[in-house]
Amino acid sequence: MSSQTPQLHQLSNVFEIIARYSILCTEDNYIQKQNIAQLSKYEKPRQKRSQSLLDQVLEKKSELLSNFQKRKSFMQKKRNII
């Protein structure tokens, strides 16, 4: 019986370690879910800002291309006149 006591004690320690690990995993999952929820709260406004910036860049690009085409056309007309 006395030889079983250290084994039972070791087994008890193993179960305690498993229980603590399980608690830590549960806490980790909870923290991850909170972080995901918090990030998703900020995701939509960030996407809107990104889309707005992209729209502004595309608008400016279109404006610059238009100006370039006008200059190119003007220079060709100027050459033809000379």
C-alpha atoms as a PDB file:
ATOM      1  CA  MET A   1       0.000   0.000   0.000  1.00  0.00           C
ATOM      2  CA  SER A   2       2.841   2.358   0.830  1.00  0.00           C
ATOM      3  CA  SER A   3       4.340   1.836  -2.660  1.00  0.00           C
ATOM      4  CA  GLN A   4       1.059   3.001  -4.193  1.00  0.00           C
ATOM      5  CA  THR A   5       1.040   6.290  -2.278  1.00  0.00           C
ATOM      6  CA  PRO A   6       3.867   7.938  -4.313  1.00  0.00           C
ATOM      7  CA  GLN A   7       2.242   6.697  -7.526  1.00  0.00           C
ATOM      8  CA  LEU A   8      -1.116   8.134  -6.463  1.00  0.00           C
ATOM      9  CA  HIS A   9       0.600  11.382  -5.550  1.00  0.00           C
ATOM     10  CA  GLN A  10       2.295  11.533  -8.971  1.00  0.00           C
ATOM     11  CA  LEU A  11      -1.001  10.720 -10.683  1.00  0.00           C
ATOM     12  CA  SER A  12      -2.668  13.475  -8.674  1.00  0.00           C
ATOM     13  CA  ASN A  13       0.041  15.900  -9.845  1.00  0.00           C
ATOM     14  CA  VAL A  14      -0.525  14.860 -13.462  1.00  0.00           C
ATOM     15  CA  PHE A  15      -4.275  15.473 -13.153  1.00  0.00           C
ATOM     16  CA  GLU A  16      -3.606  18.849 -11.544  1.00  0.00           C
ATOM     17  CA  ILE A  17      -1.292  19.822 -14.408  1.00  0.00           C
ATOM     18  CA  ILE A  18      -3.890  18.693 -16.974  1.00  0.00           C
ATOM     19  CA  ALA A  19      -6.602  20.685 -15.178  1.00  0.00           C
ATOM     20  CA  ARG A  20      -4.448  23.837 -15.091  1.00  0.00           C
ATOM     21  CA  TYR A  21      -3.565  23.421 -18.761  1.00  0.00           C
ATOM     22  CA  SER A  22      -7.233  23.011 -19.619  1.00  0.00           C
ATOM     23  CA  ILE A  23      -8.096  26.201 -17.709  1.00  0.00           C
ATOM     24  CA  LEU A  24      -5.333  28.095 -19.521  1.00  0.00           C
ATOM     25  CA  CYS A  25      -6.585  26.848 -22.902  1.00  0.00           C
ATOM     26  CA  THR A  26     -10.122  27.943 -22.039  1.00  0.00           C
ATOM     27  CA  GLU A  27      -8.858  31.382 -20.993  1.00  0.00           C
ATOM     28  CA  ASP A  28      -6.811  31.640 -24.202  1.00  0.00           C
ATOM     29  CA  ASN A  29      -9.853  30.819 -26.328  1.00  0.00           C
ATOM     30  CA  TYR A  30     -11.920  33.412 -24.452  1.00  0.00           C
ATOM     31  CA  ILE A  31      -9.233  36.082 -24.932  1.00  0.00           C
ATOM     32  CA  GLN A  32      -8.926  35.244 -28.636  1.00  0.00           C
ATOM     33  CA  LYS A  33     -12.699  35.537 -29.102  1.00  0.00           C
ATOM     34  CA  GLN A  34     -12.678  38.913 -27.325  1.00  0.00           C
ATOM     35  CA  ASN A  35      -9.824  40.138 -29.510  1.00  0.00           C
ATOM     36  CA  ILE A  36     -11.580  39.003 -32.688  1.00  0.00           C
ATOM     37  CA  ALA A  37     -14.798  40.731 -31.600  1.00  0.00           C
ATOM     38  CA  GLN A  38     -12.876  43.895 -30.779  1.00  0.00           C
ATOM     39  CA  LEU A  39     -11.050  43.848 -34.109  1.00  0.00           C
ATOM     40  CA  SER A  40     -14.235  43.296 -36.096  1.00  0.00           C
ATOM     41  CA  LYS A  41     -15.712  46.363 -34.391  1.00  0.00           C
ATOM     42  CA  TYR A  42     -12.968  48.483 -35.984  1.00  0.00           C
ATOM     43  CA  GLU A  43     -12.777  46.588 -39.268  1.00  0.00           C
ATOM     44  CA  LYS A  44     -15.761  48.197 -41.035  1.00  0.00           C
ATOM     45  CA  PRO A  45     -14.705  51.823 -40.386  1.00  0.00           C
ATOM     46  CA  ARG A  46     -11.181  50.922 -41.492  1.00  0.00           C
ATOM     47  CA  GLN A  47     -12.525  49.352 -44.687  1.00  0.00           C
ATOM     48  CA  LYS A  48     -14.607  52.472 -45.358  1.00  0.00           C
ATOM     49  CA  ARG A  49     -11.561  54.707 -44.910  1.00  0.00           C
ATOM     50  CA  SER A  50      -9.502  52.457 -47.166  1.00  0.00           C
ATOM     51  CA  GLN A  51     -12.215  52.478 -49.825  1.00  0.00           C
ATOM     52  CA  SER A  52     -12.519  56.255 -49.563  1.00  0.00           C
ATOM     53  CA  LEU A  53      -8.766  56.674 -50.008  1.00  0.00           C
ATOM     54  CA  LEU A  54      -8.771  54.281 -52.949  1.00  0.00           C
ATOM     55  CA  ASP A  55     -11.615  56.244 -54.570  1.00  0.00           C
ATOM     56  CA  GLN A  56      -9.664  59.482 -54.102  1.00  0.00           C
ATOM     57  CA  VAL A  57      -6.543  57.961 -55.646  1.00  0.00           C
ATOM     58  CA  LEU A  58      -8.488  56.622 -58.632  1.00  0.00           C
ATOM     59  CA  GLU A  59     -10.189  59.988 -59.114  1.00  0.00           C
ATOM     60  CA  LYS A  60      -6.827  61.780 -59.051  1.00  0.00           C
ATOM     61  CA  LYS A  61      -5.371  59.241 -61.473  1.00  0.00           C
ATOM     62  CA  SER A  62      -8.258  59.825 -63.859  1.00  0.00           C
ATOM     63  CA  GLU A  63      -7.773  63.594 -63.570  1.00  0.00           C
ATOM     64  CA  LEU A  64      -4.041  63.304 -64.269  1.00  0.00           C
ATOM     65  CA  LEU A  65      -4.622  61.036 -67.269  1.00  0.00           C
ATOM     66  CA  SER A  66      -7.158  63.489 -68.630  1.00  0.00           C
ATOM     67  CA  ASN A  67      -4.715  66.384 -68.207  1.00  0.00           C
ATOM     68  CA  PHE A  68      -1.990  64.343 -69.877  1.00  0.00           C
ATOM     69  CA  GLN A  69      -4.243  63.571 -72.849  1.00  0.00           C
ATOM     70  CA  LYS A  70      -5.173  67.251 -73.176  1.00  0.00           C
ATOM     71  CA  ARG A  71      -1.518  68.300 -73.148  1.00  0.00           C
ATOM     72  CA  LYS A  72      -0.600  65.612 -75.626  1.00  0.00           C
ATOM     73  CA  SER A  73      -3.400  66.707 -77.936  1.00  0.00           C
ATOM     74  CA  PHE A  74      -2.408  70.367 -77.551  1.00  0.00           C
ATOM     75  CA  MET A  75       1.229  69.589 -78.385  1.00  0.00           C
ATOM     76  CA  GLN A  76       0.222  67.622 -81.488  1.00  0.00           C
ATOM     77  CA  LYS A  77      -1.979  70.489 -82.679  1.00  0.00           C
ATOM     78  CA  LYS A  78       0.843  72.936 -82.009  1.00  0.00           C
ATOM     79  CA  ARG A  79       3.255  70.821 -84.099  1.00  0.00           C
ATOM     80  CA  ASN A  80       0.752  70.619 -86.930  1.00  0.00           C
ATOM     81  CA  ILE A  81       0.340  74.390 -86.949  1.00  0.00           C
ATOM     82  CA  ILE A  82       4.108  74.972 -87.121  1.00  0.00           C
END
